[in-house]
Protein backbone atom coordinates (compact mmCIF):
# COMPACT_ATOMS: atom_id res chain seq x y z
CA UNK A 1 97.86 -78.79 -38.42
CA UNK A 2 98.37 -78.81 -34.65
CA UNK A 3 95.69 -77.21 -32.51
CA UNK A 4 95.74 -75.39 -29.17
CA UNK A 5 92.73 -74.79 -26.94
CA UNK A 6 93.04 -71.56 -24.93
CA UNK A 7 90.50 -70.61 -22.25
CA UNK A 8 91.82 -68.35 -19.49
CA UNK A 9 90.39 -65.99 -16.90
CA UNK A 10 93.69 -64.21 -16.23
CA UNK A 11 94.88 -63.14 -19.68
CA UNK A 12 98.34 -61.74 -18.92
CA UNK A 13 100.71 -62.54 -21.82
CA UNK A 14 98.23 -64.94 -23.41
CA UNK A 15 98.43 -63.01 -26.68
CA UNK A 16 102.20 -63.59 -26.76
CA UNK A 17 101.99 -67.38 -26.70
CA UNK A 18 98.93 -67.39 -28.98
CA UNK A 19 100.70 -65.28 -31.61
CA UNK A 20 103.80 -67.48 -31.40
CA UNK A 21 101.68 -70.61 -31.91
CA UNK A 22 99.95 -69.09 -34.94
CA UNK A 23 103.32 -68.14 -36.38
CA UNK A 24 104.44 -71.75 -35.88
CA UNK A 25 101.43 -72.93 -37.92
CA UNK A 26 99.04 -73.87 -35.12
CA UNK A 27 95.28 -73.32 -35.07
CA UNK A 28 93.86 -71.57 -31.98
CA UNK A 29 90.54 -72.69 -30.49
CA UNK A 30 89.05 -70.52 -27.77
CA UNK A 31 85.99 -69.67 -25.68
CA UNK A 32 83.98 -66.45 -25.58
CA UNK A 33 85.98 -63.98 -23.47
CA UNK A 34 89.38 -65.31 -24.44
CA UNK A 35 88.42 -65.52 -28.12
CA UNK A 36 87.27 -61.88 -28.10
CA UNK A 37 90.49 -60.82 -26.34
CA UNK A 38 92.65 -62.54 -28.97
CA UNK A 39 90.61 -61.28 -31.94
CA UNK A 40 91.01 -57.72 -30.67
CA UNK A 41 94.74 -58.32 -31.00
CA UNK A 42 94.35 -59.63 -34.55
CA UNK A 43 95.07 -63.25 -33.67
CA UNK A 44 92.95 -65.70 -35.70
CA UNK A 45 90.71 -67.82 -33.47
CA UNK A 46 88.19 -70.61 -34.01
CA UNK A 47 85.36 -70.46 -31.46
CA UNK A 48 84.51 -73.57 -29.47
CA UNK A 49 80.91 -73.32 -30.66
CA UNK A 50 82.09 -73.55 -34.29
CA UNK A 51 83.56 -76.98 -33.46
CA UNK A 52 80.76 -78.32 -31.28
CA UNK A 53 77.88 -76.73 -33.23
CA UNK A 54 76.44 -76.06 -29.80
CA UNK A 55 76.18 -72.65 -28.12
CA UNK A 56 77.46 -71.67 -24.70
CA UNK A 57 74.55 -72.15 -22.31
CA UNK A 58 73.48 -71.45 -18.72
CA UNK A 59 75.12 -68.00 -18.63
CA UNK A 60 78.44 -69.49 -19.68
CA UNK A 61 78.44 -72.31 -17.13
CA UNK A 62 78.71 -74.78 -20.00
CA UNK A 63 81.14 -73.93 -22.80
CA UNK A 64 83.78 -76.62 -23.30
CA UNK A 65 81.98 -79.59 -21.72
CA UNK A 66 81.39 -81.45 -24.99
CA UNK A 67 82.68 -84.72 -26.56
CA UNK A 68 84.06 -82.82 -29.57
CA UNK A 69 86.34 -80.94 -27.16
CA UNK A 70 87.19 -83.60 -24.63
CA UNK A 71 87.61 -86.32 -27.26
CA UNK A 72 90.38 -84.45 -29.12
CA UNK A 73 92.08 -83.58 -25.79
CA UNK A 74 92.01 -87.18 -24.52
CA UNK A 75 92.74 -88.93 -27.82
CA UNK A 76 95.87 -91.05 -27.94
CA UNK A 77 97.85 -90.87 -31.14
CA UNK A 78 96.83 -94.40 -32.08
CA UNK A 79 95.09 -95.38 -35.30
CA UNK A 80 91.94 -96.37 -33.42
CA UNK A 81 91.57 -93.08 -31.53
CA UNK A 82 92.44 -90.95 -34.55
CA UNK A 83 89.97 -92.92 -36.70
CA UNK A 84 87.21 -92.23 -34.18
CA UNK A 85 87.98 -88.51 -34.29
CA UNK A 86 87.73 -88.61 -38.09
CA UNK A 87 84.34 -90.31 -37.84
CA UNK A 88 83.04 -87.33 -35.92
CA UNK A 89 84.77 -84.86 -38.27
CA UNK A 90 87.09 -83.42 -35.67
CA UNK A 91 90.84 -83.52 -34.98
CA UNK A 92 93.19 -83.89 -32.04
CA UNK A 93 94.01 -81.01 -29.70
CA UNK A 94 97.74 -80.90 -28.96
CA UNK A 95 97.94 -78.15 -26.33
CA UNK A 96 95.58 -76.88 -23.65
CA UNK A 97 96.18 -73.53 -21.94
CA UNK A 98 93.85 -72.92 -19.00
CA UNK A 99 93.58 -70.96 -15.78
CA UNK A 100 90.53 -70.94 -13.56
CA UNK A 101 87.82 -68.64 -12.33
CA UNK A 102 89.27 -66.54 -9.48
CA UNK A 103 87.90 -68.36 -6.45
CA UNK A 104 91.05 -67.45 -4.51
CA UNK A 105 90.56 -63.75 -5.30
CA UNK A 106 86.95 -63.97 -4.12
CA UNK A 107 88.10 -65.52 -0.84
CA UNK A 108 90.36 -62.55 -0.15
CA UNK A 109 87.52 -60.05 -0.52
CA UNK A 110 85.51 -61.67 2.30
CA UNK A 111 82.41 -59.81 1.06
CA UNK A 112 80.97 -62.25 -1.47
CA UNK A 113 77.88 -64.21 -0.45
CA UNK A 114 77.49 -67.93 -1.07
CA UNK A 115 75.88 -67.48 -4.51
CA UNK A 116 78.73 -65.24 -5.67
CA UNK A 117 81.34 -67.65 -4.35
CA UNK A 118 79.71 -70.58 -6.15
CA UNK A 119 79.80 -68.66 -9.43
CA UNK A 120 83.57 -68.35 -8.97
CA UNK A 121 83.98 -72.14 -8.95
CA UNK A 122 85.36 -73.27 -12.31
CA UNK A 123 84.04 -76.56 -13.73
CA UNK A 124 85.09 -76.82 -17.37
CA UNK A 125 88.60 -75.52 -16.72
CA UNK A 126 89.61 -78.13 -14.13
CA UNK A 127 87.97 -80.87 -16.20
CA UNK A 128 89.99 -79.88 -19.28
CA UNK A 129 93.20 -79.55 -17.30
CA UNK A 130 92.77 -83.02 -15.80
CA UNK A 131 91.96 -84.48 -19.21
CA UNK A 132 95.03 -82.95 -20.83
CA UNK A 133 97.24 -83.91 -17.89
CA UNK A 134 96.02 -87.50 -18.06
CA UNK A 135 96.97 -87.57 -21.75
CA UNK A 136 100.23 -85.63 -21.26
CA UNK A 137 102.21 -87.86 -23.61
CA UNK A 138 100.05 -86.53 -26.47
CA UNK A 139 98.54 -83.29 -25.12
CA UNK A 140 100.60 -80.52 -23.52
CA UNK A 141 98.92 -78.76 -20.59
CA UNK A 142 99.81 -75.24 -19.42
CA UNK A 143 98.31 -73.63 -16.32
CA UNK A 144 101.15 -71.27 -15.34
CA UNK A 145 102.23 -68.16 -17.24
CA UNK A 146 105.85 -68.86 -16.22
CA UNK A 147 105.83 -71.92 -18.50
CA UNK A 148 104.74 -70.09 -21.66
CA UNK A 149 108.19 -68.94 -22.76
CA UNK A 150 110.08 -72.27 -22.44
CA UNK A 151 107.28 -74.17 -24.20
CA UNK A 152 107.22 -71.70 -27.10
CA UNK A 153 111.02 -71.81 -27.33
CA UNK A 154 110.93 -75.62 -27.58
CA UNK A 155 108.14 -75.56 -30.18
CA UNK A 156 109.96 -72.96 -32.28
CA UNK A 157 113.15 -75.01 -32.11
CA UNK A 158 111.88 -78.61 -32.30
CA UNK A 159 108.13 -78.27 -32.99
CA UNK A 160 107.59 -80.14 -29.69
CA UNK A 161 108.68 -80.41 -26.06
CA UNK A 162 110.39 -83.32 -24.33
CA UNK A 163 108.46 -86.11 -22.62
CA UNK A 164 110.10 -85.12 -19.32
CA UNK A 165 108.75 -81.56 -19.73
CA UNK A 166 105.29 -82.91 -20.59
CA UNK A 167 105.28 -84.99 -17.40
CA UNK A 168 106.39 -82.06 -15.22
CA UNK A 169 103.66 -79.86 -16.67
CA UNK A 170 101.09 -82.61 -16.01
CA UNK A 171 102.23 -82.93 -12.40
CA UNK A 172 101.88 -79.18 -11.96
CA UNK A 173 98.41 -79.30 -13.53
CA UNK A 174 97.11 -81.99 -11.19
CA UNK A 175 98.64 -80.17 -8.20
CA UNK A 176 96.98 -76.95 -9.39
CA UNK A 177 93.52 -78.51 -9.60
CA UNK A 178 94.03 -80.15 -6.19
CA UNK A 179 95.05 -76.82 -4.64
CA UNK A 180 92.08 -75.07 -6.24
CA UNK A 181 89.68 -77.71 -4.94
CA UNK A 182 91.24 -77.55 -1.46
CA UNK A 183 90.32 -73.84 -1.24
CA UNK A 184 86.72 -74.59 -2.23
CA UNK A 185 86.43 -77.50 0.20
CA UNK A 186 87.83 -75.39 3.05
CA UNK A 187 85.40 -72.57 2.26
CA UNK A 188 82.39 -74.88 2.21
CA UNK A 189 83.47 -76.46 5.51
CA UNK A 190 84.09 -73.16 7.31
CA UNK A 191 81.90 -72.83 10.37
CA UNK A 192 81.24 -76.57 10.58
CA UNK A 193 81.96 -78.22 13.92
CA UNK A 194 82.36 -81.83 12.77
CA UNK A 195 85.73 -82.57 11.13
CA UNK A 196 85.67 -83.33 7.39
CA UNK A 197 86.16 -86.90 6.21
CA UNK A 198 88.76 -85.76 3.67
CA UNK A 199 91.18 -82.92 4.20
CA UNK A 200 93.60 -81.45 1.66
CA UNK A 201 96.36 -79.03 2.65
CA UNK A 202 96.93 -76.98 -0.47
CA UNK A 203 99.76 -74.55 -0.99
CA UNK A 204 101.63 -72.52 -3.58
CA UNK A 205 105.44 -72.73 -3.43
CA UNK A 206 106.64 -69.17 -2.98
CA UNK A 207 110.37 -69.51 -2.44
CA UNK A 208 113.16 -72.00 -1.98
CA UNK A 209 114.88 -71.88 1.39
CA UNK A 210 118.60 -71.91 2.06
CA UNK A 211 118.28 -75.39 3.56
CA UNK A 212 116.15 -77.33 6.02
CA UNK A 213 116.71 -77.87 9.73
CA UNK A 214 120.17 -79.12 8.71
CA UNK A 215 122.25 -78.28 5.62
CA UNK A 216 121.72 -81.73 4.06
CA UNK A 217 117.92 -81.20 4.00
CA UNK A 218 116.25 -79.44 1.07
CA UNK A 219 113.47 -77.00 1.95
CA UNK A 220 110.99 -74.57 0.45
CA UNK A 221 108.08 -72.46 1.67
CA UNK A 222 104.49 -72.87 0.45
CA UNK A 223 101.54 -70.57 1.12
CA UNK A 224 97.89 -71.63 1.12
CA UNK A 225 96.44 -68.17 1.88
CA UNK A 226 97.63 -65.22 -0.19
CA UNK A 227 96.73 -62.88 2.69
CA UNK A 228 99.53 -64.44 4.73
CA UNK A 229 102.36 -62.02 5.58
CA UNK A 230 104.72 -64.79 4.45
CA UNK A 231 103.25 -64.83 0.94
CA UNK A 232 105.65 -62.14 -0.20
CA UNK A 233 108.22 -61.61 2.53
CA UNK A 234 109.66 -58.12 2.35
CA UNK A 235 113.31 -58.96 3.05
CA UNK A 236 115.30 -55.75 2.97
CA UNK A 237 118.75 -57.31 3.17
CA UNK A 238 120.72 -60.36 4.26
CA UNK A 239 121.29 -63.99 3.35
CA UNK A 240 118.55 -66.27 2.06
CA UNK A 241 116.22 -67.58 4.76
CA UNK A 242 116.44 -71.15 6.01
CA UNK A 243 113.74 -73.53 7.26
CA UNK A 244 114.68 -72.70 10.88
CA UNK A 245 114.56 -68.97 10.17
CA UNK A 246 111.02 -69.27 8.82
CA UNK A 247 109.81 -71.26 11.84
CA UNK A 248 111.34 -68.76 14.28
CA UNK A 249 109.98 -65.87 12.23
CA UNK A 250 106.51 -67.38 12.29
CA UNK A 251 106.61 -67.81 16.05
CA UNK A 252 107.95 -64.28 16.51
CA UNK A 253 105.23 -62.89 14.25
CA UNK A 254 102.49 -64.52 16.33
CA UNK A 255 104.15 -63.33 19.55
CA UNK A 256 104.29 -59.75 18.26
CA UNK A 257 100.61 -59.99 17.36
CA UNK A 258 99.90 -60.41 21.08
CA UNK A 259 101.39 -56.97 21.83
CA UNK A 260 99.73 -54.54 19.44
CA UNK A 261 99.58 -51.59 21.83
CA UNK A 262 101.13 -48.17 22.33
CA UNK A 263 103.89 -49.40 24.60
CA UNK A 264 107.02 -50.77 22.98
CA UNK A 265 107.53 -54.53 23.03
CA UNK A 266 110.73 -56.33 22.09
CA UNK A 267 111.41 -60.05 22.05
CA UNK A 268 114.20 -62.46 21.18
CA UNK A 269 113.45 -65.98 19.94
CA UNK A 270 115.90 -68.87 19.76
CA UNK A 271 115.09 -72.40 18.58
CA UNK A 272 111.33 -71.84 18.77
CA UNK A 273 111.42 -70.45 22.31
CA UNK A 274 111.33 -66.86 23.56
CA UNK A 275 114.53 -66.26 25.52
CA UNK A 276 114.00 -62.56 26.07
CA UNK A 277 110.98 -60.24 26.13
CA UNK A 278 110.16 -56.89 27.65
CA UNK A 279 107.73 -54.02 27.40
CA UNK A 280 108.54 -50.37 28.12
CA UNK A 281 107.42 -46.86 27.25
CA UNK A 282 110.39 -46.49 24.86
CA UNK A 283 111.90 -48.93 22.37
CA UNK A 284 115.53 -48.90 23.49
CA UNK A 285 114.89 -49.93 27.11
CA UNK A 286 112.43 -52.56 25.88
CA UNK A 287 115.18 -54.10 23.74
CA UNK A 288 117.84 -53.75 26.44
CA UNK A 289 115.66 -55.41 29.06
CA UNK A 290 114.76 -58.22 26.64
CA UNK A 291 118.42 -58.80 25.77
CA UNK A 292 119.65 -58.76 29.37
CA UNK A 293 116.99 -61.33 30.28
CA UNK A 294 119.30 -63.97 28.76
CA UNK A 295 122.18 -62.47 26.76
CA UNK A 296 123.88 -65.84 26.30
CA UNK A 297 120.87 -67.45 24.65
CA UNK A 298 120.20 -64.31 22.58
CA UNK A 299 123.36 -64.95 20.53
CA UNK A 300 122.28 -65.84 16.98
CA UNK A 301 118.59 -65.34 17.76
CA UNK A 302 115.76 -63.53 16.04
CA UNK A 303 114.72 -60.12 17.38
CA UNK A 304 111.24 -58.66 16.92
CA UNK A 305 109.60 -55.31 17.61
CA UNK A 306 105.96 -54.25 17.62
CA UNK A 307 106.77 -50.73 16.36
CA UNK A 308 109.07 -49.25 13.71
CA UNK A 309 112.72 -49.95 14.47
CA UNK A 310 114.44 -46.68 15.31
CA UNK A 311 118.09 -45.69 14.83
CA UNK A 312 118.88 -45.58 18.55
CA UNK A 313 117.81 -49.20 18.99
CA UNK A 314 119.57 -50.28 15.79
CA UNK A 315 122.82 -48.76 17.08
CA UNK A 316 122.51 -50.68 20.34
CA UNK A 317 121.99 -53.91 18.38
CA UNK A 318 124.75 -53.38 15.83
CA UNK A 319 127.52 -55.03 17.87
CA UNK A 320 125.47 -58.12 18.75
CA UNK A 321 125.18 -61.17 16.49
CA UNK A 322 121.57 -61.76 15.48
CA UNK A 323 120.29 -63.83 12.57
CA UNK A 324 117.11 -61.87 11.78
CA UNK A 325 115.38 -58.66 12.82
CA UNK A 326 111.64 -58.33 12.19
CA UNK A 327 109.61 -55.15 12.59
CA UNK A 328 106.55 -53.56 10.97
CA UNK A 329 108.89 -50.91 9.53
CA UNK A 330 112.46 -49.57 9.73
CA UNK A 331 113.56 -45.97 10.06
CA UNK A 332 115.95 -44.88 7.29
CA UNK A 333 118.73 -44.21 9.80
CA UNK A 334 118.23 -47.65 11.33
CA UNK A 335 118.65 -49.23 7.90
CA UNK A 336 121.87 -47.29 7.32
CA UNK A 337 123.29 -48.57 10.60
CA UNK A 338 122.29 -52.20 10.03
CA UNK A 339 123.27 -52.21 6.35
CA UNK A 340 126.89 -52.56 7.43
CA UNK A 341 126.07 -56.11 8.53
CA UNK A 342 125.48 -57.57 5.06
CA UNK A 343 124.41 -61.05 6.21
CA UNK A 344 121.90 -59.79 8.78
CA UNK A 345 118.39 -60.46 7.51
CA UNK A 346 115.98 -57.55 7.91
CA UNK A 347 112.30 -58.40 7.51
CA UNK A 348 109.57 -55.79 7.23
CA UNK A 349 106.31 -57.48 8.21
CA UNK A 350 103.25 -55.62 9.54
CA UNK A 351 101.27 -57.52 12.15
CA UNK A 352 97.62 -58.50 12.01
CA UNK A 353 97.25 -61.85 10.23
CA UNK A 354 95.94 -64.61 12.49
CA UNK A 355 96.29 -68.29 11.60
CA UNK A 356 93.39 -70.56 12.55
CA UNK A 357 94.81 -74.01 11.76
CA UNK A 358 97.75 -76.06 12.99
CA UNK A 359 99.13 -79.10 11.14
CA UNK A 360 101.92 -81.46 12.12
CA UNK A 361 103.16 -84.30 9.99
CA UNK A 362 103.29 -87.92 11.08
CA UNK A 363 104.62 -90.83 9.01
CA UNK A 364 102.24 -91.12 6.10
CA UNK A 365 99.88 -88.37 7.25
CA UNK A 366 99.30 -85.45 9.55
CA UNK A 367 97.36 -84.38 12.62
CA UNK A 368 95.23 -81.25 12.68
CA UNK A 369 94.11 -78.92 15.44
CA UNK A 370 92.72 -75.42 15.67
CA UNK A 371 95.36 -72.81 16.49
CA UNK A 372 95.88 -71.81 20.12
CA UNK A 373 94.53 -68.28 19.71
CA UNK A 374 92.93 -68.29 23.16
CA UNK A 375 93.41 -65.06 25.08
CA UNK A 376 92.47 -64.31 28.65
CA UNK A 377 92.39 -61.31 30.96
CA UNK A 378 94.17 -61.64 34.29
CA UNK A 379 91.01 -60.24 35.87
CA UNK A 380 89.25 -63.51 35.06
CA UNK A 381 91.83 -65.70 36.82
CA UNK A 382 90.69 -67.32 40.07
CA UNK A 383 92.57 -66.42 43.23
CA UNK A 384 93.31 -69.64 45.16
CA UNK A 385 95.74 -68.27 47.72
CA UNK A 386 97.13 -64.93 48.87
CA UNK A 387 95.93 -61.39 48.49
CA UNK A 388 94.34 -59.68 45.45
CA UNK A 389 96.81 -58.42 42.87
CA UNK A 390 97.99 -54.84 42.63
CA UNK A 391 97.78 -53.09 39.26
CA UNK A 392 101.49 -53.69 38.60
CA UNK A 393 101.13 -57.35 39.48
CA UNK A 394 98.14 -57.67 37.16
CA UNK A 395 100.25 -56.16 34.37
CA UNK A 396 103.04 -58.69 34.95
CA UNK A 397 100.57 -61.59 35.06
CA UNK A 398 98.89 -60.47 31.81
CA UNK A 399 102.27 -59.88 30.16
CA UNK A 400 103.55 -63.31 31.15
CA UNK A 401 100.39 -65.17 30.16
CA UNK A 402 100.71 -63.83 26.60
CA UNK A 403 104.26 -65.20 26.42
CA UNK A 404 103.94 -68.60 28.12
CA UNK A 405 101.91 -70.11 25.26
CA UNK A 406 104.93 -69.68 22.97
CA UNK A 407 107.27 -71.68 25.23
CA UNK A 408 107.80 -75.36 24.44
CA UNK A 409 106.14 -77.62 27.01
CA UNK A 410 106.80 -78.38 29.75
CA UNK A 411 107.17 -74.62 29.94
CA UNK A 412 107.81 -72.24 32.84
CA UNK A 413 108.61 -68.54 32.67
CA UNK A 414 109.39 -65.93 35.32
CA UNK A 415 108.56 -62.27 34.70
CA UNK A 416 109.21 -59.15 36.71
CA UNK A 417 108.49 -55.52 35.86
CA UNK A 418 107.22 -56.43 32.37
CA UNK A 419 110.44 -58.30 31.61
CA UNK A 420 111.04 -61.99 30.98
CA UNK A 421 113.85 -62.91 33.38
CA UNK A 422 113.82 -66.73 33.33
CA UNK A 423 112.67 -69.51 30.97
CA UNK A 424 112.49 -73.25 31.53
CA UNK A 425 111.40 -74.81 28.23
CA UNK A 426 110.86 -78.29 26.85
CA UNK A 427 111.56 -80.26 30.01
CA UNK A 428 110.24 -83.76 30.61
CA UNK A 429 109.10 -82.89 34.16
CA UNK A 430 107.55 -79.67 35.40
CA UNK A 431 109.78 -79.37 38.46
CA UNK A 432 112.81 -79.54 36.16
CA UNK A 433 111.33 -76.69 34.12
CA UNK A 434 110.84 -74.64 37.31
CA UNK A 435 114.43 -75.33 38.40
CA UNK A 436 115.74 -74.33 34.98
CA UNK A 437 113.71 -71.11 34.84
CA UNK A 438 115.00 -70.08 38.30
CA UNK A 439 118.56 -70.99 37.38
CA UNK A 440 118.33 -68.96 34.16
CA UNK A 441 117.22 -65.79 35.97
CA UNK A 442 119.65 -62.94 35.28
CA UNK A 443 118.21 -60.91 38.15
CA UNK A 444 116.69 -61.79 41.49
CA UNK A 445 113.30 -63.56 41.22
CA UNK A 446 112.22 -62.10 44.55
CA UNK A 447 108.72 -60.68 44.17
CA UNK A 448 108.43 -62.03 40.60
CA UNK A 449 105.59 -63.89 38.83
CA UNK A 450 106.09 -67.51 37.78
CA UNK A 451 103.77 -68.84 35.08
CA UNK A 452 103.25 -72.45 34.02
CA UNK A 453 101.74 -73.60 30.71
CA UNK A 454 99.96 -76.51 32.48
CA UNK A 455 98.98 -77.49 36.02
CA UNK A 456 101.43 -78.32 38.80
CA UNK A 457 101.05 -82.08 39.37
CA UNK A 458 102.61 -81.82 42.85
CA UNK A 459 103.28 -79.12 45.47
CA UNK A 460 107.05 -79.33 44.83
CA UNK A 461 106.97 -76.49 42.25
CA UNK A 462 105.23 -74.22 44.77
CA UNK A 463 107.77 -75.11 47.44
CA UNK A 464 110.72 -74.40 45.14
CA UNK A 465 109.25 -71.08 44.01
CA UNK A 466 108.62 -70.00 47.60
CA UNK A 467 112.22 -70.91 48.52
CA UNK A 468 113.37 -68.30 45.98
CA UNK A 469 110.87 -65.68 47.18
CA UNK A 470 108.74 -65.74 44.05
CA UNK A 471 105.55 -63.93 45.02
CA UNK A 472 102.91 -65.07 42.51
CA UNK A 473 102.28 -68.38 40.76
CA UNK A 474 99.99 -68.66 37.72
CA UNK A 475 98.85 -72.04 36.40
CA UNK A 476 95.76 -73.51 34.71
CA UNK A 477 94.68 -75.78 37.56
CA UNK A 478 92.88 -79.03 36.93
CA UNK A 479 95.16 -81.54 38.65
CA UNK A 480 93.83 -84.11 41.11
CA UNK A 481 96.51 -82.67 43.38
CA UNK A 482 95.10 -79.12 43.19
CA UNK A 483 94.04 -79.19 46.88
CA UNK A 484 97.61 -80.10 47.92
CA UNK A 485 99.06 -77.39 45.67
CA UNK A 486 96.65 -74.76 47.06
CA UNK A 487 97.37 -75.80 50.64
CA UNK A 488 101.14 -75.51 50.04
CA UNK A 489 100.71 -72.01 48.59
CA UNK A 490 98.59 -70.94 51.57
CA UNK A 491 101.11 -72.29 54.08
CA UNK A 492 104.05 -70.65 52.29
CA UNK A 493 102.33 -67.29 51.78
CA UNK A 494 102.45 -67.48 47.97
CA UNK A 495 99.74 -65.95 45.80
CA UNK A 496 98.30 -68.63 43.51
CA UNK A 497 96.06 -68.02 40.50
CA UNK A 498 94.22 -70.57 38.37
CA UNK A 499 93.65 -69.54 34.76
CA UNK A 500 91.43 -72.41 33.63
CA UNK A 501 93.33 -72.43 30.30
CA UNK A 502 96.22 -74.69 29.33
CA UNK A 503 98.86 -73.67 26.78
CA UNK A 504 100.78 -76.82 25.80
CA UNK A 505 103.08 -76.24 22.82
CA UNK A 506 104.85 -79.31 21.46
């Protein structure tokens, strides 16, 4: 008789596979809670303690950790291993079905203390899963409810599953234990200043993507925190999302998070750069100002709003080609208008989630940094040249400083009347970025604010800005040439502010 060991915290559909195994002639071995659950459903079960002749101890901390459980799971189907099992009056275990204590659920609650969190760390479950996965050629391992049905179908048809299926299930099992451990390790390291010696980036694949950066590249999305707004994207219509769509959506989401206020904010993102942004007392002018900031670049971009998308704005957008629209909600009339564009992706995604980590891959590894979540009030910026700012100028400076950190470095933006009117992104030299931003201006930069993500290394950027009558320059400061830059601003009558904060984005 074949035997299956079942010990699960989440018991959804476990009775279905257990009943099917019993019908196929298998014996079911189980632990306390799972055994009681199955017995209540009239499924015959042999308790683990009946096999080990040893009770569950330490408030259930030790149940399956016993040679008479692990031996049958790890036993190869060789004469020597089977003989040893016979010597100890036990038999092989052919299938292990496990899921773990809900450490991930406890993380989401954010209220559990350390003792409660430690009690949600599973020990026996991961050990059994790893044992079964190591011995996958002889012991099937199941950790995912989605795999129950195909395994049962194969057993009912052939009394076994293929070696290829066994290997895939083992790979999933090891990945599952690694992901589970990565959550625990991250929790125990939270608040520590020193970097860990070992770092795992765990994730759960949530959806396949249309393709990668290019159509010949395969892509999928994985989530490591179930609280992420990307864990279950609420896509209301449109084509499947691509790798590029997700990256632009992520950047747009973080940009919208910067503008959670009563005024309406609209932005357009293209190739990981904002190409339009504006704030106004009503949504339609906010969108119109954002679009007219660079209508050419807006073609095929992603549009985002910090408030519910209304019908009037949807109508104004309906004749323009956009890839994606993201908003915290959509008015019914807006959906009716946009539904005519079947391929247009509409994403409902409320703001609020803040990422704390930033990873980038390198050949054979990755680099890690904390996320650039630094915010600053224009009131704290140091005036180096010119007169104190008016209230309107302070608003433009604050508006622009929230946007500049989303522009690829070297990055320069020009804002005027709470509207982004010029962007110079991703240039190898800062003066080139200034030239590009001025050239991209759709309206006169006279009296505008120019913001730089890093310091001006030379006075040439100040001189060029003054030539085009830009009134205010905002930069972090910190260059050995700061005295020359300040002197140039004073001579040219340009207001210069140092923020003390750099916003490189590579």
